[in-house]
Amino acid sequence: MATTEHPLLPGVPYQRFQVELDGRTYGFDVCWNHRVLWWVMNLYDADWNLLRAGVRICKSARLQRHSRPATHPPGEFLVQCLEGKAEPGFDDLGARVVVTYTDAADMKAVRAGLSA
């Protein structure tokens, strides 16, 4: 499968980067919310226009709903805990917990295989 891992750094409270997903460039802000002690992700287009704000990064979760605007990446974001069962703490993102993206073609193949 064409799955890519987001370039996240453990213990860095604010991270901003752009990546190409399914042939389009998207921007991301990943921020540590020190009041509630969890990570939040914001999604932008290539020109840094906000597409979706305040997506909580929690263990073993998909970060997109099944119905999404055409401006959003068509594949799937997934939070994966590599060890342990606790929610991602400040030093965990990019280390014990990773955020991956599987492209639309591979997700379609996975869904076709599940329904067969």
PDB file of N, CA and C in Angstrom:
ATOM      1  N   MET A   1       0.831  -1.186   0.000  1.00  0.00           N
ATOM      2  CA  MET A   1       0.000   0.000   0.000  1.00  0.00           C
ATOM      3  C   MET A   1       0.872   1.244   0.000  1.00  0.00           C
ATOM      4  N   ALA A   2       0.352   2.327  -0.565  1.00  0.00           N
ATOM      5  CA  ALA A   2       1.048   3.607  -0.547  1.00  0.00           C
ATOM      6  C   ALA A   2       0.633   4.361   0.703  1.00  0.00           C
ATOM      7  N   THR A   3       1.333   4.085   1.781  1.00  0.00           N
ATOM      8  CA  THR A   3       1.068   4.739   3.057  1.00  0.00           C
ATOM      9  C   THR A   3       2.293   5.549   3.428  1.00  0.00           C
ATOM     10  N   THR A   4       2.059   6.802   3.803  1.00  0.00           N
ATOM     11  CA  THR A   4       3.153   7.668   4.220  1.00  0.00           C
ATOM     12  C   THR A   4       2.943   8.093   5.664  1.00  0.00           C
ATOM     13  N   GLU A   5       4.042   8.295   6.343  1.00  0.00           N
ATOM     14  CA  GLU A   5       3.994   8.735   7.733  1.00  0.00           C
ATOM     15  C   GLU A   5       4.249  10.238   7.785  1.00  0.00           C
ATOM     16  N   HIS A   6       3.452  10.946   8.561  1.00  0.00           N
ATOM     17  CA  HIS A   6       3.643  12.394   8.708  1.00  0.00           C
ATOM     18  C   HIS A   6       4.959  12.661   9.435  1.00  0.00           C
ATOM     19  N   PRO A   7       5.672  13.717   9.036  1.00  0.00           N
ATOM     20  CA  PRO A   7       6.972  14.039   9.646  1.00  0.00           C
ATOM     21  C   PRO A   7       6.808  14.774  10.976  1.00  0.00           C
ATOM     22  N   LEU A   8       6.467  14.047  12.022  1.00  0.00           N
ATOM     23  CA  LEU A   8       6.239  14.649  13.335  1.00  0.00           C
ATOM     24  C   LEU A   8       7.429  14.416  14.246  1.00  0.00           C
ATOM     25  N   LEU A   9       7.690  15.398  15.108  1.00  0.00           N
ATOM     26  CA  LEU A   9       8.827  15.343  16.019  1.00  0.00           C
ATOM     27  C   LEU A   9       8.344  15.253  17.458  1.00  0.00           C
ATOM     28  N   PRO A  10       8.851  14.288  18.223  1.00  0.00           N
ATOM     29  CA  PRO A  10       8.440  14.161  19.619  1.00  0.00           C
ATOM     30  C   PRO A  10       8.832  15.398  20.433  1.00  0.00           C
ATOM     31  N   GLY A  11       7.925  15.851  21.294  1.00  0.00           N
ATOM     32  CA  GLY A  11       8.238  16.926  22.223  1.00  0.00           C
ATOM     33  C   GLY A  11       8.314  18.317  21.619  1.00  0.00           C
ATOM     34  N   VAL A  12       7.871  18.507  20.402  1.00  0.00           N
ATOM     35  CA  VAL A  12       7.853  19.839  19.778  1.00  0.00           C
ATOM     36  C   VAL A  12       6.393  20.295  19.787  1.00  0.00           C
ATOM     37  N   PRO A  13       6.043  21.345  20.561  1.00  0.00           N
ATOM     38  CA  PRO A  13       4.639  21.684  20.796  1.00  0.00           C
ATOM     39  C   PRO A  13       3.889  22.266  19.603  1.00  0.00           C
ATOM     40  N   TYR A  14       4.584  22.828  18.627  1.00  0.00           N
ATOM     41  CA  TYR A  14       3.922  23.378  17.442  1.00  0.00           C
ATOM     42  C   TYR A  14       4.736  22.984  16.219  1.00  0.00           C
ATOM     43  N   GLN A  15       4.082  22.298  15.288  1.00  0.00           N
ATOM     44  CA  GLN A  15       4.771  21.846  14.081  1.00  0.00           C
ATOM     45  C   GLN A  15       3.937  22.224  12.875  1.00  0.00           C
ATOM     46  N   ARG A  16       4.583  22.763  11.848  1.00  0.00           N
ATOM     47  CA  ARG A  16       3.897  23.152  10.613  1.00  0.00           C
ATOM     48  C   ARG A  16       4.687  22.589   9.450  1.00  0.00           C
ATOM     49  N   PHE A  17       3.991  21.916   8.530  1.00  0.00           N
ATOM     50  CA  PHE A  17       4.669  21.309   7.390  1.00  0.00           C
ATOM     51  C   PHE A  17       3.681  21.129   6.255  1.00  0.00           C
ATOM     52  N   GLN A  18       4.209  20.881   5.065  1.00  0.00           N
ATOM     53  CA  GLN A  18       3.395  20.553   3.902  1.00  0.00           C
ATOM     54  C   GLN A  18       3.851  19.209   3.355  1.00  0.00           C
ATOM     55  N   VAL A  19       2.890  18.421   2.865  1.00  0.00           N
ATOM     56  CA  VAL A  19       3.187  17.139   2.237  1.00  0.00           C
ATOM     57  C   VAL A  19       2.277  16.974   1.018  1.00  0.00           C
ATOM     58  N   GLU A  20       2.730  16.153   0.077  1.00  0.00           N
ATOM     59  CA  GLU A  20       1.914  15.837  -1.087  1.00  0.00           C
ATOM     60  C   GLU A  20       1.149  14.552  -0.814  1.00  0.00           C
ATOM     61  N   LEU A  21      -0.171  14.620  -0.989  1.00  0.00           N
ATOM     62  CA  LEU A  21      -1.052  13.482  -0.769  1.00  0.00           C
ATOM     63  C   LEU A  21      -1.951  13.337  -1.988  1.00  0.00           C
ATOM     64  N   ASP A  22      -1.917  12.193  -2.613  1.00  0.00           N
ATOM     65  CA  ASP A  22      -2.731  11.938  -3.807  1.00  0.00           C
ATOM     66  C   ASP A  22      -2.549  13.023  -4.865  1.00  0.00           C
ATOM     67  N   GLY A  23      -1.305  13.469  -5.056  1.00  0.00           N
ATOM     68  CA  GLY A  23      -0.991  14.409  -6.122  1.00  0.00           C
ATOM     69  C   GLY A  23      -1.253  15.874  -5.818  1.00  0.00           C
ATOM     70  N   ARG A  24      -1.704  16.192  -4.611  1.00  0.00           N
ATOM     71  CA  ARG A  24      -1.941  17.587  -4.222  1.00  0.00           C
ATOM     72  C   ARG A  24      -1.181  17.896  -2.946  1.00  0.00           C
ATOM     73  N   THR A  25      -0.784  19.156  -2.801  1.00  0.00           N
ATOM     74  CA  THR A  25      -0.053  19.577  -1.608  1.00  0.00           C
ATOM     75  C   THR A  25      -1.030  20.082  -0.554  1.00  0.00           C
ATOM     76  N   TYR A  26      -0.817  19.644   0.673  1.00  0.00           N
ATOM     77  CA  TYR A  26      -1.626  20.064   1.813  1.00  0.00           C
ATOM     78  C   TYR A  26      -0.696  20.537   2.924  1.00  0.00           C
ATOM     79  N   GLY A  27      -1.180  21.470   3.718  1.00  0.00           N
ATOM     80  CA  GLY A  27      -0.436  21.955   4.868  1.00  0.00           C
ATOM     81  C   GLY A  27      -1.065  21.442   6.152  1.00  0.00           C
ATOM     82  N   PHE A  28      -0.233  21.317   7.162  1.00  0.00           N
ATOM     83  CA  PHE A  28      -0.694  20.839   8.461  1.00  0.00           C
ATOM     84  C   PHE A  28      -0.063  21.658   9.572  1.00  0.00           C
ATOM     85  N   ASP A  29      -0.868  21.972  10.562  1.00  0.00           N
ATOM     86  CA  ASP A  29      -0.404  22.458  11.858  1.00  0.00           C
ATOM     87  C   ASP A  29      -0.722  21.347  12.833  1.00  0.00           C
ATOM     88  N   VAL A  30       0.232  20.988  13.650  1.00  0.00           N
ATOM     89  CA  VAL A  30      -0.009  20.028  14.717  1.00  0.00           C
ATOM     90  C   VAL A  30       0.425  20.724  15.997  1.00  0.00           C
ATOM     91  N   CYS A  31      -0.510  20.858  16.934  1.00  0.00           N
ATOM     92  CA  CYS A  31      -0.283  21.665  18.137  1.00  0.00           C
ATOM     93  C   CYS A  31      -0.617  20.875  19.397  1.00  0.00           C
ATOM     94  N   TRP A  32       0.199  21.060  20.423  1.00  0.00           N
ATOM     95  CA  TRP A  32      -0.077  20.475  21.725  1.00  0.00           C
ATOM     96  C   TRP A  32      -0.940  21.457  22.511  1.00  0.00           C
ATOM     97  N   ASN A  33      -2.102  20.991  22.961  1.00  0.00           N
ATOM     98  CA  ASN A  33      -2.980  21.810  23.786  1.00  0.00           C
ATOM     99  C   ASN A  33      -2.657  21.499  25.240  1.00  0.00           C
ATOM    100  N   HIS A  34      -1.949  22.414  25.899  1.00  0.00           N
ATOM    101  CA  HIS A  34      -1.480  22.166  27.264  1.00  0.00           C
ATOM    102  C   HIS A  34      -2.607  22.222  28.300  1.00  0.00           C
ATOM    103  N   ARG A  35      -3.737  22.793  27.952  1.00  0.00           N
ATOM    104  CA  ARG A  35      -4.855  22.857  28.904  1.00  0.00           C
ATOM    105  C   ARG A  35      -5.567  21.508  29.042  1.00  0.00           C
ATOM    106  N   VAL A  36      -5.772  20.832  27.922  1.00  0.00           N
ATOM    107  CA  VAL A  36      -6.484  19.546  27.958  1.00  0.00           C
ATOM    108  C   VAL A  36      -5.550  18.356  27.747  1.00  0.00           C
ATOM    109  N   LEU A  37      -4.283  18.629  27.471  1.00  0.00           N
ATOM    110  CA  LEU A  37      -3.235  17.618  27.338  1.00  0.00           C
ATOM    111  C   LEU A  37      -3.486  16.642  26.187  1.00  0.00           C
ATOM    112  N   TRP A  38      -3.752  17.214  24.999  1.00  0.00           N
ATOM    113  CA  TRP A  38      -3.840  16.388  23.806  1.00  0.00           C
ATOM    114  C   TRP A  38      -3.368  17.163  22.593  1.00  0.00           C
ATOM    115  N   TRP A  39      -3.108  16.410  21.506  1.00  0.00           N
ATOM    116  CA  TRP A  39      -2.642  16.977  20.247  1.00  0.00           C
ATOM    117  C   TRP A  39      -3.828  17.304  19.351  1.00  0.00           C
ATOM    118  N   VAL A  40      -3.704  18.391  18.591  1.00  0.00           N
ATOM    119  CA  VAL A  40      -4.737  18.825  17.657  1.00  0.00           C
ATOM    120  C   VAL A  40      -4.085  19.079  16.302  1.00  0.00           C
ATOM    121  N   MET A  41      -4.784  18.687  15.229  1.00  0.00           N
ATOM    122  CA  MET A  41      -4.277  18.889  13.871  1.00  0.00           C
ATOM    123  C   MET A  41      -5.236  19.794  13.099  1.00  0.00           C
ATOM    124  N   ASN A  42      -4.671  20.722  12.333  1.00  0.00           N
ATOM    125  CA  ASN A  42      -5.422  21.569  11.410  1.00  0.00           C
ATOM    126  C   ASN A  42      -4.953  21.253  10.003  1.00  0.00           C
ATOM    127  N   LEU A  43      -5.883  21.224   9.052  1.00  0.00           N
ATOM    128  CA  LEU A  43      -5.607  20.887   7.658  1.00  0.00           C
ATOM    129  C   LEU A  43      -5.782  22.124   6.785  1.00  0.00           C
ATOM    130  N   TYR A  44      -4.826  22.357   5.869  1.00  0.00           N
ATOM    131  CA  TYR A  44      -4.838  23.514   4.981  1.00  0.00           C
ATOM    132  C   TYR A  44      -4.613  23.057   3.540  1.00  0.00           C
ATOM    133  N   ASP A  45      -4.993  23.915   2.586  1.00  0.00           N
ATOM    134  CA  ASP A  45      -4.616  23.657   1.201  1.00  0.00           C
ATOM    135  C   ASP A  45      -3.177  24.136   0.988  1.00  0.00           C
ATOM    136  N   ALA A  46      -2.687  24.074  -0.230  1.00  0.00           N
ATOM    137  CA  ALA A  46      -1.293  24.428  -0.525  1.00  0.00           C
ATOM    138  C   ALA A  46      -0.982  25.895  -0.252  1.00  0.00           C
ATOM    139  N   ASP A  47      -2.009  26.761  -0.264  1.00  0.00           N
ATOM    140  CA  ASP A  47      -1.821  28.193  -0.010  1.00  0.00           C
ATOM    141  C   ASP A  47      -2.115  28.573   1.435  1.00  0.00           C
ATOM    142  N   TRP A  48      -2.216  27.609   2.305  1.00  0.00           N
ATOM    143  CA  TRP A  48      -2.473  27.788   3.725  1.00  0.00           C
ATOM    144  C   TRP A  48      -3.849  28.370   4.024  1.00  0.00           C
ATOM    145  N   ASN A  49      -4.832  28.027   3.185  1.00  0.00           N
ATOM    146  CA  ASN A  49      -6.229  28.334   3.491  1.00  0.00           C
ATOM    147  C   ASN A  49      -6.775  27.182   4.322  1.00  0.00           C
ATOM    148  N   LEU A  50      -7.380  27.507   5.445  1.00  0.00           N
ATOM    149  CA  LEU A  50      -7.860  26.487   6.368  1.00  0.00           C
ATOM    150  C   LEU A  50      -8.981  25.661   5.748  1.00  0.00           C
ATOM    151  N   LEU A  51      -8.821  24.328   5.803  1.00  0.00           N
ATOM    152  CA  LEU A  51      -9.844  23.403   5.323  1.00  0.00           C
ATOM    153  C   LEU A  51     -10.600  22.747   6.478  1.00  0.00           C
ATOM    154  N   ARG A  52      -9.886  22.428   7.546  1.00  0.00           N
ATOM    155  CA  ARG A  52     -10.503  21.789   8.712  1.00  0.00           C
ATOM    156  C   ARG A  52      -9.658  22.099   9.942  1.00  0.00           C
ATOM    157  N   ALA A  53     -10.318  22.487  11.016  1.00  0.00           N
ATOM    158  CA  ALA A  53      -9.603  22.880  12.235  1.00  0.00           C
ATOM    159  C   ALA A  53      -9.962  21.980  13.414  1.00  0.00           C
ATOM    160  N   GLY A  54      -9.006  21.852  14.322  1.00  0.00           N
ATOM    161  CA  GLY A  54      -9.263  21.232  15.610  1.00  0.00           C
ATOM    162  C   GLY A  54      -9.527  19.748  15.613  1.00  0.00           C
ATOM    163  N   VAL A  55      -8.852  18.985  14.761  1.00  0.00           N
ATOM    164  CA  VAL A  55      -9.025  17.531  14.749  1.00  0.00           C
ATOM    165  C   VAL A  55      -8.139  16.948  15.852  1.00  0.00           C
ATOM    166  N   ARG A  56      -8.758  16.344  16.834  1.00  0.00           N
ATOM    167  CA  ARG A  56      -8.005  15.757  17.937  1.00  0.00           C
ATOM    168  C   ARG A  56      -7.298  14.499  17.465  1.00  0.00           C
ATOM    169  N   ILE A  57      -6.023  14.385  17.828  1.00  0.00           N
ATOM    170  CA  ILE A  57      -5.240  13.197  17.512  1.00  0.00           C
ATOM    171  C   ILE A  57      -5.295  12.269  18.719  1.00  0.00           C
ATOM    172  N   CYS A  58      -6.094  11.212  18.599  1.00  0.00           N
ATOM    173  CA  CYS A  58      -6.222  10.268  19.696  1.00  0.00           C
ATOM    174  C   CYS A  58      -5.876   8.865  19.204  1.00  0.00           C
ATOM    175  N   LYS A  59      -5.570   7.982  20.120  1.00  0.00           N
ATOM    176  CA  LYS A  59      -5.059   6.658  19.772  1.00  0.00           C
ATOM    177  C   LYS A  59      -6.000   5.880  18.862  1.00  0.00           C
ATOM    178  N   SER A  60      -5.390   5.173  17.924  1.00  0.00           N
ATOM    179  CA  SER A  60      -6.078   4.256  17.013  1.00  0.00           C
ATOM    180  C   SER A  60      -7.349   4.852  16.416  1.00  0.00           C
ATOM    181  N   ALA A  61      -7.244   6.055  15.866  1.00  0.00           N
ATOM    182  CA  ALA A  61      -8.418   6.732  15.311  1.00  0.00           C
ATOM    183  C   ALA A  61      -8.188   7.120  13.862  1.00  0.00           C
ATOM    184  N   ARG A  62      -9.271   7.132  13.101  1.00  0.00           N
ATOM    185  CA  ARG A  62      -9.251   7.720  11.767  1.00  0.00           C
ATOM    186  C   ARG A  62      -9.524   9.204  11.950  1.00  0.00           C
ATOM    187  N   LEU A  63      -8.787  10.035  11.227  1.00  0.00           N
ATOM    188  CA  LEU A  63      -8.905  11.476  11.417  1.00  0.00           C
ATOM    189  C   LEU A  63      -9.837  12.156  10.425  1.00  0.00           C
ATOM    190  N   GLN A  64     -10.435  11.394   9.524  1.00  0.00           N
ATOM    191  CA  GLN A  64     -11.382  11.970   8.571  1.00  0.00           C
ATOM    192  C   GLN A  64     -12.671  11.185   8.607  1.00  0.00           C
ATOM    193  N   ARG A  65     -13.756  11.884   8.383  1.00  0.00           N
ATOM    194  CA  ARG A  65     -15.050  11.206   8.282  1.00  0.00           C
ATOM    195  C   ARG A  65     -15.184  10.614   6.891  1.00  0.00           C
ATOM    196  N   HIS A  66     -16.123   9.702   6.737  1.00  0.00           N
ATOM    197  CA  HIS A  66     -16.316   9.050   5.433  1.00  0.00           C
ATOM    198  C   HIS A  66     -16.786  10.032   4.372  1.00  0.00           C
ATOM    199  N   SER A  67     -17.632  10.994   4.719  1.00  0.00           N
ATOM    200  CA  SER A  67     -18.011  12.016   3.747  1.00  0.00           C
ATOM    201  C   SER A  67     -17.177  13.252   4.039  1.00  0.00           C
ATOM    202  N   ARG A  68     -16.480  13.726   3.025  1.00  0.00           N
ATOM    203  CA  ARG A  68     -15.608  14.878   3.207  1.00  0.00           C
ATOM    204  C   ARG A  68     -15.673  15.742   1.960  1.00  0.00           C
ATOM    205  N   PRO A  69     -15.398  17.032   2.108  1.00  0.00           N
ATOM    206  CA  PRO A  69     -15.409  17.920   0.936  1.00  0.00           C
ATOM    207  C   PRO A  69     -14.349  17.521  -0.083  1.00  0.00           C
ATOM    208  N   ALA A  70     -14.572  17.892  -1.320  1.00  0.00           N
ATOM    209  CA  ALA A  70     -13.624  17.583  -2.397  1.00  0.00           C
ATOM    210  C   ALA A  70     -12.280  18.268  -2.174  1.00  0.00           C
ATOM    211  N   THR A  71     -12.236  19.285  -1.340  1.00  0.00           N
ATOM    212  CA  THR A  71     -10.982  19.991  -1.062  1.00  0.00           C
ATOM    213  C   THR A  71     -10.069  19.207  -0.118  1.00  0.00           C
ATOM    214  N   HIS A  72     -10.608  18.202   0.551  1.00  0.00           N
ATOM    215  CA  HIS A  72      -9.817  17.408   1.500  1.00  0.00           C
ATOM    216  C   HIS A  72      -9.123  16.254   0.781  1.00  0.00           C
ATOM    217  N   PRO A  73      -8.032  15.740   1.342  1.00  0.00           N
ATOM    218  CA  PRO A  73      -7.385  14.567   0.747  1.00  0.00           C
ATOM    219  C   PRO A  73      -8.368  13.400   0.684  1.00  0.00           C
ATOM    220  N   PRO A  74      -8.375  12.650  -0.426  1.00  0.00           N
ATOM    221  CA  PRO A  74      -9.351  11.575  -0.588  1.00  0.00           C
ATOM    222  C   PRO A  74      -9.007  10.270   0.121  1.00  0.00           C
ATOM    223  N   GLY A  75      -7.793  10.143   0.616  1.00  0.00           N
ATOM    224  CA  GLY A  75      -7.395   8.916   1.311  1.00  0.00           C
ATOM    225  C   GLY A  75      -7.776   8.957   2.781  1.00  0.00           C
ATOM    226  N   GLU A  76      -7.078   8.178   3.598  1.00  0.00           N
ATOM    227  CA  GLU A  76      -7.396   8.059   5.021  1.00  0.00           C
ATOM    228  C   GLU A  76      -6.188   8.373   5.896  1.00  0.00           C
ATOM    229  N   PHE A  77      -6.409   9.191   6.923  1.00  0.00           N
ATOM    230  CA  PHE A  77      -5.421   9.423   7.973  1.00  0.00           C
ATOM    231  C   PHE A  77      -5.716   8.457   9.104  1.00  0.00           C
ATOM    232  N   LEU A  78      -4.664   7.906   9.690  1.00  0.00           N
ATOM    233  CA  LEU A  78      -4.838   6.980  10.796  1.00  0.00           C
ATOM    234  C   LEU A  78      -3.786   7.262  11.851  1.00  0.00           C
ATOM    235  N   VAL A  79      -4.208   7.271  13.103  1.00  0.00           N
ATOM    236  CA  VAL A  79      -3.290   7.399  14.235  1.00  0.00           C
ATOM    237  C   VAL A  79      -2.979   5.987  14.702  1.00  0.00           C
ATOM    238  N   GLN A  80      -1.688   5.664  14.796  1.00  0.00           N
ATOM    239  CA  GLN A  80      -1.286   4.316  15.199  1.00  0.00           C
ATOM    240  C   GLN A  80      -0.383   4.384  16.421  1.00  0.00           C
ATOM    241  N   CYS A  81      -0.763   3.659  17.466  1.00  0.00           N
ATOM    242  CA  CYS A  81       0.077   3.525  18.654  1.00  0.00           C
ATOM    243  C   CYS A  81       1.004   2.342  18.424  1.00  0.00           C
ATOM    244  N   LEU A  82       2.300   2.601  18.417  1.00  0.00           N
ATOM    245  CA  LEU A  82       3.274   1.538  18.173  1.00  0.00           C
ATOM    246  C   LEU A  82       3.530   0.697  19.410  1.00  0.00           C
ATOM    247  N   GLU A  83       3.254   1.278  20.577  1.00  0.00           N
ATOM    248  CA  GLU A  83       3.367   0.530  21.826  1.00  0.00           C
ATOM    249  C   GLU A  83       2.516   1.210  22.881  1.00  0.00           C
ATOM    250  N   GLY A  84       2.065   0.444  23.833  1.00  0.00           N
ATOM    251  CA  GLY A  84       1.244   0.994  24.907  1.00  0.00           C
ATOM    252  C   GLY A  84      -0.177   1.291  24.463  1.00  0.00           C
ATOM    253  N   LYS A  85      -0.999   1.612  25.451  1.00  0.00           N
ATOM    254  CA  LYS A  85      -2.405   1.856  25.178  1.00  0.00           C
ATOM    255  C   LYS A  85      -2.835   3.266  25.556  1.00  0.00           C
ATOM    256  N   ALA A  86      -1.939   4.057  26.091  1.00  0.00           N
ATOM    257  CA  ALA A  86      -2.300   5.403  26.540  1.00  0.00           C
ATOM    258  C   ALA A  86      -2.469   6.353  25.362  1.00  0.00           C
ATOM    259  N   GLU A  87      -3.252   7.397  25.566  1.00  0.00           N
ATOM    260  CA  GLU A  87      -3.405   8.449  24.565  1.00  0.00           C
ATOM    261  C   GLU A  87      -2.047   9.108  24.321  1.00  0.00           C
ATOM    262  N   PRO A  88      -1.848   9.702  23.131  1.00  0.00           N
ATOM    263  CA  PRO A  88      -0.563  10.349  22.832  1.00  0.00           C
ATOM    264  C   PRO A  88      -0.274  11.510  23.784  1.00  0.00           C
ATOM    265  N   GLY A  89       0.825  11.394  24.498  1.00  0.00           N
ATOM    266  CA  GLY A  89       1.272  12.471  25.375  1.00  0.00           C
ATOM    267  C   GLY A  89       2.214  13.406  24.629  1.00  0.00           C
ATOM    268  N   PHE A  90       2.720  14.393  25.327  1.00  0.00           N
ATOM    269  CA  PHE A  90       3.554  15.425  24.725  1.00  0.00           C
ATOM    270  C   PHE A  90       4.749  14.852  23.962  1.00  0.00           C
ATOM    271  N   ASP A  91       5.425  13.867  24.519  1.00  0.00           N
ATOM    272  CA  ASP A  91       6.622  13.300  23.891  1.00  0.00           C
ATOM    273  C   ASP A  91       6.342  12.098  22.990  1.00  0.00           C
ATOM    274  N   ASP A  92       5.090  11.735  22.795  1.00  0.00           N
ATOM    275  CA  ASP A  92       4.751  10.508  22.071  1.00  0.00           C
ATOM    276  C   ASP A  92       4.566  10.670  20.567  1.00  0.00           C
ATOM    277  N   LEU A  93       4.078  11.807  20.124  1.00  0.00           N
ATOM    278  CA  LEU A  93       3.776  11.987  18.705  1.00  0.00           C
ATOM    279  C   LEU A  93       5.066  11.963  17.892  1.00  0.00           C
ATOM    280  N   GLY A  94       5.117  11.111  16.884  1.00  0.00           N
ATOM    281  CA  GLY A  94       6.321  10.943  16.084  1.00  0.00           C
ATOM    282  C   GLY A  94       7.275   9.904  16.653  1.00  0.00           C
ATOM    283  N   ALA A  95       6.952   9.365  17.819  1.00  0.00           N
ATOM    284  CA  ALA A  95       7.770   8.325  18.447  1.00  0.00           C
ATOM    285  C   ALA A  95       6.892   7.096  18.686  1.00  0.00           C
ATOM    286  N   ARG A  96       6.223   7.049  19.831  1.00  0.00           N
ATOM    287  CA  ARG A  96       5.344   5.923  20.167  1.00  0.00           C
ATOM    288  C   ARG A  96       4.051   5.940  19.357  1.00  0.00           C
ATOM    289  N   VAL A  97       3.659   7.135  18.914  1.00  0.00           N
ATOM    290  CA  VAL A  97       2.419   7.312  18.160  1.00  0.00           C
ATOM    291  C   VAL A  97       2.737   8.009  16.839  1.00  0.00           C
ATOM    292  N   VAL A  98       2.266   7.444  15.725  1.00  0.00           N
ATOM    293  CA  VAL A  98       2.511   8.036  14.411  1.00  0.00           C
ATOM    294  C   VAL A  98       1.181   8.309  13.714  1.00  0.00           C
ATOM    295  N   VAL A  99       1.201   9.294  12.818  1.00  0.00           N
ATOM    296  CA  VAL A  99       0.047   9.600  11.980  1.00  0.00           C
ATOM    297  C   VAL A  99       0.429   9.222  10.556  1.00  0.00           C
ATOM    298  N   THR A 100      -0.365   8.348   9.943  1.00  0.00           N
ATOM    299  CA  THR A 100      -0.091   7.892   8.588  1.00  0.00           C
ATOM    300  C   THR A 100      -1.234   8.304   7.665  1.00  0.00           C
ATOM    301  N   TYR A 101      -0.928   8.288   6.370  1.00  0.00           N
ATOM    302  CA  TYR A 101      -1.929   8.574   5.345  1.00  0.00           C
ATOM    303  C   TYR A 101      -1.839   7.472   4.294  1.00  0.00           C
ATOM    304  N   THR A 102      -2.973   6.849   3.980  1.00  0.00           N
ATOM    305  CA  THR A 102      -3.053   5.854   2.924  1.00  0.00           C
ATOM    306  C   THR A 102      -3.798   6.477   1.761  1.00  0.00           C
ATOM    307  N   ASP A 103      -3.198   6.427   0.571  1.00  0.00           N
ATOM    308  CA  ASP A 103      -3.789   7.124  -0.576  1.00  0.00           C
ATOM    309  C   ASP A 103      -5.119   6.511  -1.005  1.00  0.00           C
ATOM    310  N   ALA A 104      -5.869   7.273  -1.801  1.00  0.00           N
ATOM    311  CA  ALA A 104      -7.232   6.910  -2.184  1.00  0.00           C
ATOM    312  C   ALA A 104      -7.296   5.597  -2.958  1.00  0.00           C
ATOM    313  N   ALA A 105      -6.358   5.369  -3.872  1.00  0.00           N
ATOM    314  CA  ALA A 105      -6.378   4.140  -4.672  1.00  0.00           C
ATOM    315  C   ALA A 105      -6.224   2.912  -3.780  1.00  0.00           C
ATOM    316  N   ASP A 106      -5.321   2.982  -2.826  1.00  0.00           N
ATOM    317  CA  ASP A 106      -5.127   1.847  -1.937  1.00  0.00           C
ATOM    318  C   ASP A 106      -6.311   1.647  -0.994  1.00  0.00           C
ATOM    319  N   MET A 107      -6.926   2.747  -0.553  1.00  0.00           N
ATOM    320  CA  MET A 107      -8.110   2.618   0.296  1.00  0.00           C
ATOM    321  C   MET A 107      -9.253   1.975  -0.481  1.00  0.00           C
ATOM    322  N   LYS A 108      -9.388   2.329  -1.755  1.00  0.00           N
ATOM    323  CA  LYS A 108     -10.431   1.726  -2.595  1.00  0.00           C
ATOM    324  C   LYS A 108     -10.189   0.219  -2.744  1.00  0.00           C
ATOM    325  N   ALA A 109      -8.935  -0.160  -2.925  1.00  0.00           N
ATOM    326  CA  ALA A 109      -8.586  -1.579  -3.046  1.00  0.00           C
ATOM    327  C   ALA A 109      -8.854  -2.319  -1.728  1.00  0.00           C
ATOM    328  N   VAL A 110      -8.542  -1.688  -0.618  1.00  0.00           N
ATOM    329  CA  VAL A 110      -8.801  -2.303   0.691  1.00  0.00           C
ATOM    330  C   VAL A 110     -10.302  -2.508   0.877  1.00  0.00           C
ATOM    331  N   ARG A 111     -11.077  -1.476   0.576  1.00  0.00           N
ATOM    332  CA  ARG A 111     -12.525  -1.581   0.748  1.00  0.00           C
ATOM    333  C   ARG A 111     -13.115  -2.645  -0.195  1.00  0.00           C
ATOM    334  N   ALA A 112     -12.603  -2.736  -1.418  1.00  0.00           N
ATOM    335  CA  ALA A 112     -13.084  -3.748  -2.366  1.00  0.00           C
ATOM    336  C   ALA A 112     -12.772  -5.147  -1.851  1.00  0.00           C
ATOM    337  N   GLY A 113     -11.594  -5.304  -1.270  1.00  0.00           N
ATOM    338  CA  GLY A 113     -11.194  -6.595  -0.718  1.00  0.00           C
ATOM    339  C   GLY A 113     -12.027  -6.982   0.482  1.00  0.00           C
ATOM    340  N   LEU A 114     -12.425  -5.996   1.286  1.00  0.00           N
ATOM    341  CA  LEU A 114     -13.252  -6.277   2.466  1.00  0.00           C
ATOM    342  C   LEU A 114     -14.670  -6.654   2.086  1.00  0.00           C
ATOM    343  N   SER A 115     -15.143  -6.108   0.974  1.00  0.00           N
ATOM    344  CA  SER A 115     -16.527  -6.387   0.589  1.00  0.00           C
ATOM    345  C   SER A 115     -16.642  -7.632  -0.282  1.00  0.00           C
ATOM    346  N   ALA A 116     -15.514  -8.178  -0.722  1.00  0.00           N
ATOM    347  CA  ALA A 116     -15.550  -9.352  -1.606  1.00  0.00           C
ATOM    348  C   ALA A 116     -15.817 -10.623  -0.827  1.00  0.00           C
TER     349      ALA A 116
END
